[in-house]
Amino acid sequence: MPQSPRRLWVSPQRFAEQLEVLTRNFVPLSLAELIERLREGKVPDNSVVITFDDGYADNFWNARPLLERFGVPATVFVTTGLVGTEREFYWDELERLLLRETVTRRHGETGKRGNGEAEKGRSGGIVGQYLWLEIKGRTRQWKLTSNGERLKAYHEIHDLLKPLSPEQRESVLEQLRLWFGVSANGRPDHRLMTVEELVAISRDGLIDLGAHTVNHPDLATLPPERQRWEIEMSKRQLEAWLGRPVRWFAYPYGSGNSVARQLVKEAGFEVACSMSLGFVTNRSDPFWLPRIFVENWDGDELVRRLGQV
């Protein structure tokens, strides 16, 4: 996936470097192998497990060939609600609208949301204007007259959207689409895998699939029954597509609460991954396994970072 302001990307070249140093200095295992070795108390020293969150199509285009070349297993945790659609995750749609689109308001308009049409383009300067959004009953304003202000608006709006329910997020995104005069359809290189691609990527067993909820909410902000639906429905959808049990789960944003943990266990998952920093040990909670967030580092930097944990 192209570079993200949230650092949610690793280029194919850097990923190849990372795989090269991992195979040279560590023992790559699948998630299933790790769990089996943990149960036996026989985890090899310097073991590593590679995981991807969300289910982007570039896992199929770019990551799979590299994993096959190096013979390294991995697990992809899929957000099922966007599978097979042209929609982007909200953080990608925000990036597309606020950092890629340019809008020229017609002469005489106030620039407030919903007033008149908008002409959009992808070249030229940013016309001085303000953005108004209503979020949870409160109207907020951002200035968009420079790239720096747009980036600031991006991060602030992202942080406001993160704890919202999927329906509340969609309401804010629709305001943005009206403002910029664009549709909800996203960019092809930011889409998720299709059902056919999910089946293909996991067919030979090198890459396994796990669930990552339906709508990628911050589970701790939802009532228990809505958490249960997000967790269980993502499992059911994946199992229906794949025709086999789905054993693994990853919490959106790597975070949750005790309710989410219990619901994941009750849903029949065997393991759940968080983003708590650290290494997996025999004492690790199988429903709250720690992971290490990897950025677009070269191989040497990855080894250095792993040594700092």
C-alpha atoms as a PDB file:
ATOM      1  CA  MET A   1       0.000   0.000   0.000  1.00  0.00           C
ATOM      2  CA  PRO A   2       1.306   3.539  -0.719  1.00  0.00           C
ATOM      3  CA  GLN A   3       2.814   5.548   2.103  1.00  0.00           C
ATOM      4  CA  SER A   4       0.400   6.364   4.914  1.00  0.00           C
ATOM      5  CA  PRO A   5       0.603   9.283   7.366  1.00  0.00           C
ATOM      6  CA  ARG A   6      -0.202   6.732  10.076  1.00  0.00           C
ATOM      7  CA  ARG A   7       2.965   4.761   9.186  1.00  0.00           C
ATOM      8  CA  LEU A   8       0.811   1.769   8.230  1.00  0.00           C
ATOM      9  CA  TRP A   9       2.974   0.543   5.391  1.00  0.00           C
ATOM     10  CA  VAL A  10       6.157  -1.289   4.492  1.00  0.00           C
ATOM     11  CA  SER A  11       7.433  -1.137   0.908  1.00  0.00           C
ATOM     12  CA  PRO A  12       8.037  -4.434  -0.936  1.00  0.00           C
ATOM     13  CA  GLN A  13      11.767  -3.684  -1.061  1.00  0.00           C
ATOM     14  CA  ARG A  14      11.980  -3.098   2.685  1.00  0.00           C
ATOM     15  CA  PHE A  15       9.774  -6.105   3.403  1.00  0.00           C
ATOM     16  CA  ALA A  16      12.179  -8.275   1.390  1.00  0.00           C
ATOM     17  CA  GLU A  17      15.073  -6.907   3.471  1.00  0.00           C
ATOM     18  CA  GLN A  18      13.169  -7.657   6.661  1.00  0.00           C
ATOM     19  CA  LEU A  19      12.407 -11.218   5.583  1.00  0.00           C
ATOM     20  CA  GLU A  20      16.040 -11.763   4.653  1.00  0.00           C
ATOM     21  CA  VAL A  21      17.313 -10.775   8.111  1.00  0.00           C
ATOM     22  CA  LEU A  22      14.514 -12.670   9.856  1.00  0.00           C
ATOM     23  CA  THR A  23      15.365 -15.904   8.049  1.00  0.00           C
ATOM     24  CA  ARG A  24      19.065 -15.371   8.736  1.00  0.00           C
ATOM     25  CA  ASN A  25      18.852 -14.408  12.414  1.00  0.00           C
ATOM     26  CA  PHE A  26      15.562 -15.843  13.669  1.00  0.00           C
ATOM     27  CA  VAL A  27      13.295 -18.894  13.426  1.00  0.00           C
ATOM     28  CA  PRO A  28      10.075 -17.975  11.568  1.00  0.00           C
ATOM     29  CA  LEU A  29       7.034 -19.922  12.751  1.00  0.00           C
ATOM     30  CA  SER A  30       3.385 -19.873  11.816  1.00  0.00           C
ATOM     31  CA  LEU A  31       0.970 -18.737  14.505  1.00  0.00           C
ATOM     32  CA  ALA A  32      -0.338 -22.298  14.731  1.00  0.00           C
ATOM     33  CA  GLU A  33       3.220 -23.608  15.252  1.00  0.00           C
ATOM     34  CA  LEU A  34       3.885 -21.029  17.943  1.00  0.00           C
ATOM     35  CA  ILE A  35       0.775 -22.007  19.888  1.00  0.00           C
ATOM     36  CA  GLU A  36       1.596 -25.711  19.589  1.00  0.00           C
ATOM     37  CA  ARG A  37       5.182 -25.125  20.759  1.00  0.00           C
ATOM     38  CA  LEU A  38       3.936 -22.978  23.649  1.00  0.00           C
ATOM     39  CA  ARG A  39       1.635 -25.768  24.788  1.00  0.00           C
ATOM     40  CA  GLU A  40       4.553 -28.195  24.633  1.00  0.00           C
ATOM     41  CA  GLY A  41       6.929 -25.757  26.308  1.00  0.00           C
ATOM     42  CA  LYS A  42       9.350 -26.143  23.407  1.00  0.00           C
ATOM     43  CA  VAL A  43       9.455 -22.773  21.664  1.00  0.00           C
ATOM     44  CA  PRO A  44      12.774 -22.351  19.787  1.00  0.00           C
ATOM     45  CA  ASP A  45      14.944 -19.420  20.799  1.00  0.00           C
ATOM     46  CA  ASN A  46      14.623 -16.355  18.570  1.00  0.00           C
ATOM     47  CA  SER A  47      11.280 -17.486  17.149  1.00  0.00           C
ATOM     48  CA  VAL A  48       9.220 -14.939  15.231  1.00  0.00           C
ATOM     49  CA  VAL A  49       5.679 -14.905  13.852  1.00  0.00           C
ATOM     50  CA  ILE A  50       4.663 -12.469  11.095  1.00  0.00           C
ATOM     51  CA  THR A  51       1.153 -11.031  11.112  1.00  0.00           C
ATOM     52  CA  PHE A  52      -0.708  -8.487   8.980  1.00  0.00           C
ATOM     53  CA  ASP A  53      -3.821  -6.652  10.123  1.00  0.00           C
ATOM     54  CA  ASP A  54      -6.854  -5.568   8.087  1.00  0.00           C
ATOM     55  CA  GLY A  55      -6.636  -7.680   4.902  1.00  0.00           C
ATOM     56  CA  TYR A  56      -5.405  -5.200   2.289  1.00  0.00           C
ATOM     57  CA  ALA A  57      -5.177  -6.515  -1.262  1.00  0.00           C
ATOM     58  CA  ASP A  58      -1.468  -5.691  -1.338  1.00  0.00           C
ATOM     59  CA  ASN A  59      -0.990  -8.600   1.064  1.00  0.00           C
ATOM     60  CA  PHE A  60      -2.009 -10.727  -1.933  1.00  0.00           C
ATOM     61  CA  TRP A  61      -0.147  -8.722  -4.615  1.00  0.00           C
ATOM     62  CA  ASN A  62       3.095  -7.869  -2.835  1.00  0.00           C
ATOM     63  CA  ALA A  63       3.507  -9.739   0.463  1.00  0.00           C
ATOM     64  CA  ARG A  64       2.534 -13.222  -0.685  1.00  0.00           C
ATOM     65  CA  PRO A  65       5.216 -13.569  -3.413  1.00  0.00           C
ATOM     66  CA  LEU A  66       7.915 -12.437  -0.982  1.00  0.00           C
ATOM     67  CA  LEU A  67       6.727 -14.770   1.768  1.00  0.00           C
ATOM     68  CA  GLU A  68       6.770 -17.612  -0.758  1.00  0.00           C
ATOM     69  CA  ARG A  69      10.260 -16.683  -1.958  1.00  0.00           C
ATOM     70  CA  PHE A  70      11.674 -16.795   1.572  1.00  0.00           C
ATOM     71  CA  GLY A  71       9.441 -19.663   2.734  1.00  0.00           C
ATOM     72  CA  VAL A  72       8.151 -17.639   5.693  1.00  0.00           C
ATOM     73  CA  PRO A  73       4.642 -18.302   7.058  1.00  0.00           C
ATOM     74  CA  ALA A  74       2.315 -15.482   8.105  1.00  0.00           C
ATOM     75  CA  THR A  75      -1.180 -14.762   9.362  1.00  0.00           C
ATOM     76  CA  VAL A  76      -3.471 -12.076   7.920  1.00  0.00           C
ATOM     77  CA  PHE A  77      -6.260 -10.758  10.162  1.00  0.00           C
ATOM     78  CA  VAL A  78      -9.196  -9.670   7.995  1.00  0.00           C
ATOM     79  CA  THR A  79     -11.759  -6.926   8.599  1.00  0.00           C
ATOM     80  CA  THR A  80     -14.645  -8.629   6.847  1.00  0.00           C
ATOM     81  CA  GLY A  81     -17.023  -5.706   6.308  1.00  0.00           C
ATOM     82  CA  LEU A  82     -14.979  -4.173   3.483  1.00  0.00           C
ATOM     83  CA  VAL A  83     -14.065  -7.417   1.714  1.00  0.00           C
ATOM     84  CA  GLY A  84     -15.031  -7.285  -1.939  1.00  0.00           C
ATOM     85  CA  THR A  85     -16.063  -3.624  -1.840  1.00  0.00           C
ATOM     86  CA  GLU A  86     -14.563  -0.465  -3.358  1.00  0.00           C
ATOM     87  CA  ARG A  87     -14.519   1.262  -0.005  1.00  0.00           C
ATOM     88  CA  GLU A  88     -11.412   2.304   1.915  1.00  0.00           C
ATOM     89  CA  PHE A  89     -10.806   2.214   5.651  1.00  0.00           C
ATOM     90  CA  TYR A  90     -11.733   5.520   7.207  1.00  0.00           C
ATOM     91  CA  TRP A  91      -8.088   6.471   7.831  1.00  0.00           C
ATOM     92  CA  ASP A  92      -7.345   5.916   4.142  1.00  0.00           C
ATOM     93  CA  GLU A  93     -10.414   7.839   3.030  1.00  0.00           C
ATOM     94  CA  LEU A  94      -9.411  10.715   5.290  1.00  0.00           C
ATOM     95  CA  GLU A  95      -5.955  10.692   3.734  1.00  0.00           C
ATOM     96  CA  ARG A  96      -7.442  10.683   0.225  1.00  0.00           C
ATOM     97  CA  LEU A  97      -9.798  13.565   0.934  1.00  0.00           C
ATOM     98  CA  LEU A  98      -7.732  15.802   3.170  1.00  0.00           C
ATOM     99  CA  LEU A  99      -4.243  15.229   1.766  1.00  0.00           C
ATOM    100  CA  ARG A 100      -4.864  14.364  -1.899  1.00  0.00           C
ATOM    101  CA  GLU A 101      -7.966  16.244  -3.021  1.00  0.00           C
ATOM    102  CA  THR A 102      -7.994  19.951  -3.893  1.00  0.00           C
ATOM    103  CA  VAL A 103     -11.281  21.837  -3.989  1.00  0.00           C
ATOM    104  CA  THR A 104     -12.164  25.186  -5.529  1.00  0.00           C
ATOM    105  CA  ARG A 105     -15.315  26.771  -4.129  1.00  0.00           C
ATOM    106  CA  ARG A 106     -17.432  28.793  -6.525  1.00  0.00           C
ATOM    107  CA  HIS A 107     -17.294  32.581  -6.209  1.00  0.00           C
ATOM    108  CA  GLY A 108     -19.476  33.965  -3.460  1.00  0.00           C
ATOM    109  CA  GLU A 109     -19.816  30.777  -1.428  1.00  0.00           C
ATOM    110  CA  THR A 110     -19.193  30.843   2.294  1.00  0.00           C
ATOM    111  CA  GLY A 111     -17.309  27.545   2.191  1.00  0.00           C
ATOM    112  CA  LYS A 112     -19.545  25.984   4.844  1.00  0.00           C
ATOM    113  CA  ARG A 113     -20.511  22.353   4.510  1.00  0.00           C
ATOM    114  CA  GLY A 114     -23.268  21.723   2.004  1.00  0.00           C
ATOM    115  CA  ASN A 115     -23.397  25.218   0.445  1.00  0.00           C
ATOM    116  CA  GLY A 116     -23.366  24.798  -3.329  1.00  0.00           C
ATOM    117  CA  GLU A 117     -21.332  22.561  -5.564  1.00  0.00           C
ATOM    118  CA  ALA A 118     -17.627  21.858  -5.398  1.00  0.00           C
ATOM    119  CA  GLU A 119     -15.199  21.572  -8.260  1.00  0.00           C
ATOM    120  CA  LYS A 120     -12.446  19.103  -7.530  1.00  0.00           C
ATOM    121  CA  GLY A 121      -9.039  18.558  -9.041  1.00  0.00           C
ATOM    122  CA  ARG A 122      -5.671  17.007  -8.281  1.00  0.00           C
ATOM    123  CA  SER A 123      -3.372  19.843  -9.251  1.00  0.00           C
ATOM    124  CA  GLY A 124      -2.851  23.475  -8.390  1.00  0.00           C
ATOM    125  CA  GLY A 125      -2.707  25.268  -5.088  1.00  0.00           C
ATOM    126  CA  ILE A 126      -4.982  24.878  -2.110  1.00  0.00           C
ATOM    127  CA  VAL A 127      -7.678  27.547  -2.137  1.00  0.00           C
ATOM    128  CA  GLY A 128      -8.108  29.261   1.215  1.00  0.00           C
ATOM    129  CA  GLN A 129     -11.053  27.747   3.048  1.00  0.00           C
ATOM    130  CA  TYR A 130     -12.267  26.204   6.269  1.00  0.00           C
ATOM    131  CA  LEU A 131     -13.764  22.805   6.876  1.00  0.00           C
ATOM    132  CA  TRP A 132     -16.753  22.399   9.179  1.00  0.00           C
ATOM    133  CA  LEU A 133     -17.823  18.980  10.492  1.00  0.00           C
ATOM    134  CA  GLU A 134     -20.506  17.981  12.939  1.00  0.00           C
ATOM    135  CA  ILE A 135     -19.174  15.211  15.178  1.00  0.00           C
ATOM    136  CA  LYS A 136     -21.374  13.819  17.947  1.00  0.00           C
ATOM    137  CA  GLY A 137     -23.550  16.931  18.000  1.00  0.00           C
ATOM    138  CA  ARG A 138     -20.683  19.392  18.083  1.00  0.00           C
ATOM    139  CA  THR A 139     -19.565  21.503  15.132  1.00  0.00           C
ATOM    140  CA  ARG A 140     -15.808  21.665  14.692  1.00  0.00           C
ATOM    141  CA  GLN A 141     -13.690  23.710  12.326  1.00  0.00           C
ATOM    142  CA  TRP A 142     -10.340  23.227  10.619  1.00  0.00           C
ATOM    143  CA  LYS A 143      -8.350  25.527   8.377  1.00  0.00           C
ATOM    144  CA  LEU A 144      -7.117  23.905   5.162  1.00  0.00           C
ATOM    145  CA  THR A 145      -4.987  26.625   3.577  1.00  0.00           C
ATOM    146  CA  SER A 146      -1.663  24.777   3.709  1.00  0.00           C
ATOM    147  CA  ASN A 147      -0.356  21.233   3.559  1.00  0.00           C
ATOM    148  CA  GLY A 148       0.674  21.487   7.197  1.00  0.00           C
ATOM    149  CA  GLU A 149      -2.815  22.515   8.256  1.00  0.00           C
ATOM    150  CA  ARG A 150      -4.309  19.692   6.233  1.00  0.00           C
ATOM    151  CA  LEU A 151      -2.023  17.158   7.881  1.00  0.00           C
ATOM    152  CA  LYS A 152      -2.922  18.556  11.311  1.00  0.00           C
ATOM    153  CA  ALA A 153      -6.621  18.283  10.428  1.00  0.00           C
ATOM    154  CA  TYR A 154      -6.084  14.720   9.241  1.00  0.00           C
ATOM    155  CA  HIS A 155      -4.594  13.560  12.538  1.00  0.00           C
ATOM    156  CA  GLU A 156      -7.148  15.427  14.665  1.00  0.00           C
ATOM    157  CA  ILE A 157     -10.145  14.121  12.712  1.00  0.00           C
ATOM    158  CA  HIS A 158      -8.680  10.608  12.707  1.00  0.00           C
ATOM    159  CA  ASP A 159      -8.417  10.675  16.494  1.00  0.00           C
ATOM    160  CA  LEU A 160     -12.000  11.929  16.767  1.00  0.00           C
ATOM    161  CA  LEU A 161     -13.291   9.164  14.488  1.00  0.00           C
ATOM    162  CA  LYS A 162     -11.409   6.294  16.128  1.00  0.00           C
ATOM    163  CA  PRO A 163     -13.689   5.887  19.203  1.00  0.00           C
ATOM    164  CA  LEU A 164     -16.949   6.386  17.255  1.00  0.00           C
ATOM    165  CA  SER A 165     -19.335   3.647  16.272  1.00  0.00           C
ATOM    166  CA  PRO A 166     -19.252   2.607  12.599  1.00  0.00           C
ATOM    167  CA  GLU A 167     -22.503   4.505  11.987  1.00  0.00           C
ATOM    168  CA  GLN A 168     -21.170   7.697  13.574  1.00  0.00           C
ATOM    169  CA  ARG A 169     -17.976   7.458  11.538  1.00  0.00           C
ATOM    170  CA  GLU A 170     -19.936   7.046   8.340  1.00  0.00           C
ATOM    171  CA  SER A 171     -21.955  10.176   9.107  1.00  0.00           C
ATOM    172  CA  VAL A 172     -18.766  12.241   9.396  1.00  0.00           C
ATOM    173  CA  LEU A 173     -17.239  10.715   6.272  1.00  0.00           C
ATOM    174  CA  GLU A 174     -20.370  11.519   4.290  1.00  0.00           C
ATOM    175  CA  GLN A 175     -20.046  15.150   5.343  1.00  0.00           C
ATOM    176  CA  LEU A 176     -16.478  15.118   4.025  1.00  0.00           C
ATOM    177  CA  ARG A 177     -17.533  13.540   0.723  1.00  0.00           C
ATOM    178  CA  LEU A 178     -20.154  16.234   0.234  1.00  0.00           C
ATOM    179  CA  TRP A 179     -17.609  18.904   1.081  1.00  0.00           C
ATOM    180  CA  PHE A 180     -15.081  17.660  -1.468  1.00  0.00           C
ATOM    181  CA  GLY A 181     -17.671  16.546  -4.002  1.00  0.00           C
ATOM    182  CA  VAL A 182     -16.464  12.942  -4.275  1.00  0.00           C
ATOM    183  CA  SER A 183     -18.035   9.501  -4.012  1.00  0.00           C
ATOM    184  CA  ALA A 184     -17.453   6.833  -1.397  1.00  0.00           C
ATOM    185  CA  ASN A 185     -15.545   4.656  -3.857  1.00  0.00           C
ATOM    186  CA  GLY A 186     -11.907   4.355  -2.893  1.00  0.00           C
ATOM    187  CA  ARG A 187      -8.643   3.828  -4.742  1.00  0.00           C
ATOM    188  CA  PRO A 188      -7.986   0.368  -6.200  1.00  0.00           C
ATOM    189  CA  ASP A 189      -4.566   0.175  -4.520  1.00  0.00           C
ATOM    190  CA  HIS A 190      -6.172   0.765  -1.102  1.00  0.00           C
ATOM    191  CA  ARG A 191      -8.895  -1.871  -1.295  1.00  0.00           C
ATOM    192  CA  LEU A 192      -9.163  -5.077   0.696  1.00  0.00           C
ATOM    193  CA  MET A 193      -8.886  -8.534  -0.782  1.00  0.00           C
ATOM    194  CA  THR A 194     -11.883 -10.093  -2.470  1.00  0.00           C
ATOM    195  CA  VAL A 195     -13.315 -13.387  -1.270  1.00  0.00           C
ATOM    196  CA  GLU A 196     -11.571 -15.112  -4.170  1.00  0.00           C
ATOM    197  CA  GLU A 197      -8.236 -13.569  -3.178  1.00  0.00           C
ATOM    198  CA  LEU A 198      -8.713 -14.597   0.454  1.00  0.00           C
ATOM    199  CA  VAL A 199      -9.289 -18.174  -0.667  1.00  0.00           C
ATOM    200  CA  ALA A 200      -6.279 -18.065  -2.994  1.00  0.00           C
ATOM    201  CA  ILE A 201      -3.843 -16.479  -0.546  1.00  0.00           C
ATOM    202  CA  SER A 202      -4.558 -19.123   2.092  1.00  0.00           C
ATOM    203  CA  ARG A 203      -4.912 -22.138  -0.186  1.00  0.00           C
ATOM    204  CA  ASP A 204      -1.446 -23.672   0.257  1.00  0.00           C
ATOM    205  CA  GLY A 205      -1.236 -23.077   4.023  1.00  0.00           C
ATOM    206  CA  LEU A 206       1.774 -20.758   4.060  1.00  0.00           C
ATOM    207  CA  ILE A 207      -0.520 -17.829   4.846  1.00  0.00           C
ATOM    208  CA  ASP A 208      -3.304 -18.358   7.361  1.00  0.00           C
ATOM    209  CA  LEU A 209      -6.277 -16.074   7.977  1.00  0.00           C
ATOM    210  CA  GLY A 210      -7.748 -14.748  11.194  1.00  0.00           C
ATOM    211  CA  ALA A 211     -10.637 -12.440  12.072  1.00  0.00           C
ATOM    212  CA  HIS A 212     -10.357  -8.721  12.827  1.00  0.00           C
ATOM    213  CA  THR A 213     -14.042  -7.767  13.399  1.00  0.00           C
ATOM    214  CA  VAL A 214     -16.502  -6.590  10.740  1.00  0.00           C
ATOM    215  CA  ASN A 215     -16.077  -2.798  10.918  1.00  0.00           C
ATOM    216  CA  HIS A 216     -12.747  -2.277  12.739  1.00  0.00           C
ATOM    217  CA  PRO A 217     -14.226  -0.478  15.780  1.00  0.00           C
ATOM    218  CA  ASP A 218     -12.452   0.317  19.010  1.00  0.00           C
ATOM    219  CA  LEU A 219     -14.133  -2.552  20.846  1.00  0.00           C
ATOM    220  CA  ALA A 220     -13.804  -0.988  24.293  1.00  0.00           C
ATOM    221  CA  THR A 221     -16.086   1.885  23.209  1.00  0.00           C
ATOM    222  CA  LEU A 222     -18.959  -0.431  22.232  1.00  0.00           C
ATOM    223  CA  PRO A 223     -21.590  -2.050  24.458  1.00  0.00           C
ATOM    224  CA  PRO A 224     -21.004  -5.767  25.074  1.00  0.00           C
ATOM    225  CA  GLU A 225     -23.639  -7.018  22.634  1.00  0.00           C
ATOM    226  CA  ARG A 226     -22.246  -4.902  19.826  1.00  0.00           C
ATOM    227  CA  GLN A 227     -18.751  -6.178  20.642  1.00  0.00           C
ATOM    228  CA  ARG A 228     -20.072  -9.731  20.489  1.00  0.00           C
ATOM    229  CA  TRP A 229     -21.628  -9.135  17.073  1.00  0.00           C
ATOM    230  CA  GLU A 230     -18.421  -7.623  15.640  1.00  0.00           C
ATOM    231  CA  ILE A 231     -16.327 -10.517  16.942  1.00  0.00           C
ATOM    232  CA  GLU A 232     -18.625 -13.420  16.131  1.00  0.00           C
ATOM    233  CA  MET A 233     -19.841 -12.155  12.748  1.00  0.00           C
ATOM    234  CA  SER A 234     -16.318 -11.678  11.425  1.00  0.00           C
ATOM    235  CA  LYS A 235     -15.559 -15.285  12.368  1.00  0.00           C
ATOM    236  CA  ARG A 236     -18.731 -16.582  10.716  1.00  0.00           C
ATOM    237  CA  GLN A 237     -18.153 -14.640   7.513  1.00  0.00           C
ATOM    238  CA  LEU A 238     -14.569 -15.829   7.135  1.00  0.00           C
ATOM    239  CA  GLU A 239     -15.517 -19.429   7.879  1.00  0.00           C
ATOM    240  CA  ALA A 240     -18.317 -19.303   5.303  1.00  0.00           C
ATOM    241  CA  TRP A 241     -15.937 -17.962   2.651  1.00  0.00           C
ATOM    242  CA  LEU A 242     -13.097 -20.359   3.448  1.00  0.00           C
ATOM    243  CA  GLY A 243     -15.084 -23.454   4.348  1.00  0.00           C
ATOM    244  CA  ARG A 244     -12.978 -24.173   7.435  1.00  0.00           C
ATOM    245  CA  PRO A 245     -12.651 -23.016  11.060  1.00  0.00           C
ATOM    246  CA  VAL A 246     -11.021 -19.677  11.809  1.00  0.00           C
ATOM    247  CA  ARG A 247      -8.948 -20.004  14.981  1.00  0.00           C
ATOM    248  CA  TRP A 248      -7.223 -16.645  15.401  1.00  0.00           C
ATOM    249  CA  PHE A 249      -8.373 -13.104  16.218  1.00  0.00           C
ATOM    250  CA  ALA A 250      -6.663  -9.722  16.424  1.00  0.00           C
ATOM    251  CA  TYR A 251      -8.147  -6.760  18.293  1.00  0.00           C
ATOM    252  CA  PRO A 252      -8.620  -3.640  16.125  1.00  0.00           C
ATOM    253  CA  TYR A 253      -5.871  -1.147  17.008  1.00  0.00           C
ATOM    254  CA  GLY A 254      -4.473  -3.972  19.129  1.00  0.00           C
ATOM    255  CA  SER A 255      -6.599  -2.816  22.053  1.00  0.00           C
ATOM    256  CA  GLY A 256      -9.704  -3.901  23.918  1.00  0.00           C
ATOM    257  CA  ASN A 257     -10.909  -4.623  27.436  1.00  0.00           C
ATOM    258  CA  SER A 258     -11.754  -7.566  29.663  1.00  0.00           C
ATOM    259  CA  VAL A 259     -15.211  -7.822  28.082  1.00  0.00           C
ATOM    260  CA  ALA A 260     -13.752  -8.091  24.587  1.00  0.00           C
ATOM    261  CA  ARG A 261     -11.246 -10.687  25.743  1.00  0.00           C
ATOM    262  CA  GLN A 262     -13.991 -12.846  27.250  1.00  0.00           C
ATOM    263  CA  LEU A 263     -16.193 -12.498  24.160  1.00  0.00           C
ATOM    264  CA  VAL A 264     -13.315 -13.556  21.911  1.00  0.00           C
ATOM    265  CA  LYS A 265     -12.844 -16.654  24.055  1.00  0.00           C
ATOM    266  CA  GLU A 266     -16.577 -17.438  24.039  1.00  0.00           C
ATOM    267  CA  ALA A 267     -16.688 -17.050  20.246  1.00  0.00           C
ATOM    268  CA  GLY A 268     -14.426 -20.079  19.935  1.00  0.00           C
ATOM    269  CA  PHE A 269     -11.126 -18.476  19.028  1.00  0.00           C
ATOM    270  CA  GLU A 270      -7.989 -20.145  20.368  1.00  0.00           C
ATOM    271  CA  VAL A 271      -5.717 -17.108  20.315  1.00  0.00           C
ATOM    272  CA  ALA A 272      -6.071 -13.326  20.150  1.00  0.00           C
ATOM    273  CA  CYS A 273      -3.324 -10.830  19.336  1.00  0.00           C
ATOM    274  CA  SER A 274      -3.030  -7.393  20.893  1.00  0.00           C
ATOM    275  CA  MET A 275      -0.512  -4.626  20.264  1.00  0.00           C
ATOM    276  CA  SER A 276       0.944  -4.724  23.748  1.00  0.00           C
ATOM    277  CA  LEU A 277       4.663  -4.386  23.258  1.00  0.00           C
ATOM    278  CA  GLY A 278       6.740  -7.392  24.192  1.00  0.00           C
ATOM    279  CA  PHE A 279       7.722 -10.971  23.474  1.00  0.00           C
ATOM    280  CA  VAL A 280       5.517 -14.045  23.822  1.00  0.00           C
ATOM    281  CA  THR A 281       6.518 -16.320  26.713  1.00  0.00           C
ATOM    282  CA  ASN A 282       5.076 -19.412  28.404  1.00  0.00           C
ATOM    283  CA  ARG A 283       3.303 -17.024  30.776  1.00  0.00           C
ATOM    284  CA  SER A 284       1.658 -14.963  28.029  1.00  0.00           C
ATOM    285  CA  ASP A 285      -2.134 -14.793  27.997  1.00  0.00           C
ATOM    286  CA  PRO A 286      -3.205 -16.619  24.797  1.00  0.00           C
ATOM    287  CA  PHE A 287      -6.084 -14.159  24.437  1.00  0.00           C
ATOM    288  CA  TRP A 288      -3.799 -11.137  24.744  1.00  0.00           C
ATOM    289  CA  LEU A 289      -0.585 -12.011  22.934  1.00  0.00           C
ATOM    290  CA  PRO A 290       1.869  -9.111  22.595  1.00  0.00           C
ATOM    291  CA  ARG A 291       3.184  -7.972  19.221  1.00  0.00           C
ATOM    292  CA  ILE A 292       5.742  -5.509  17.889  1.00  0.00           C
ATOM    293  CA  PHE A 293       4.609  -2.813  15.447  1.00  0.00           C
ATOM    294  CA  VAL A 294       6.916  -2.843  12.408  1.00  0.00           C
ATOM    295  CA  GLU A 295       7.480   0.227  10.262  1.00  0.00           C
ATOM    296  CA  ASN A 296       9.203   0.766   6.919  1.00  0.00           C
ATOM    297  CA  TRP A 297      12.602  -0.111   8.391  1.00  0.00           C
ATOM    298  CA  ASP A 298      15.540  -1.647   6.586  1.00  0.00           C
ATOM    299  CA  GLY A 299      16.763  -5.033   7.763  1.00  0.00           C
ATOM    300  CA  ASP A 300      19.420  -3.721  10.123  1.00  0.00           C
ATOM    301  CA  GLU A 301      16.963  -1.362  11.783  1.00  0.00           C
ATOM    302  CA  LEU A 302      14.468  -4.187  12.295  1.00  0.00           C
ATOM    303  CA  VAL A 303      17.107  -6.301  14.053  1.00  0.00           C
ATOM    304  CA  ARG A 304      18.087  -3.310  16.183  1.00  0.00           C
ATOM    305  CA  ARG A 305      14.496  -2.636  17.171  1.00  0.00           C
ATOM    306  CA  LEU A 306      13.854  -6.254  18.073  1.00  0.00           C
ATOM    307  CA  GLY A 307      16.880  -6.124  20.331  1.00  0.00           C
ATOM    308  CA  GLN A 308      15.421  -3.165  22.209  1.00  0.00           C
ATOM    309  CA  VAL A 309      12.157  -4.841  23.239  1.00  0.00           C
END
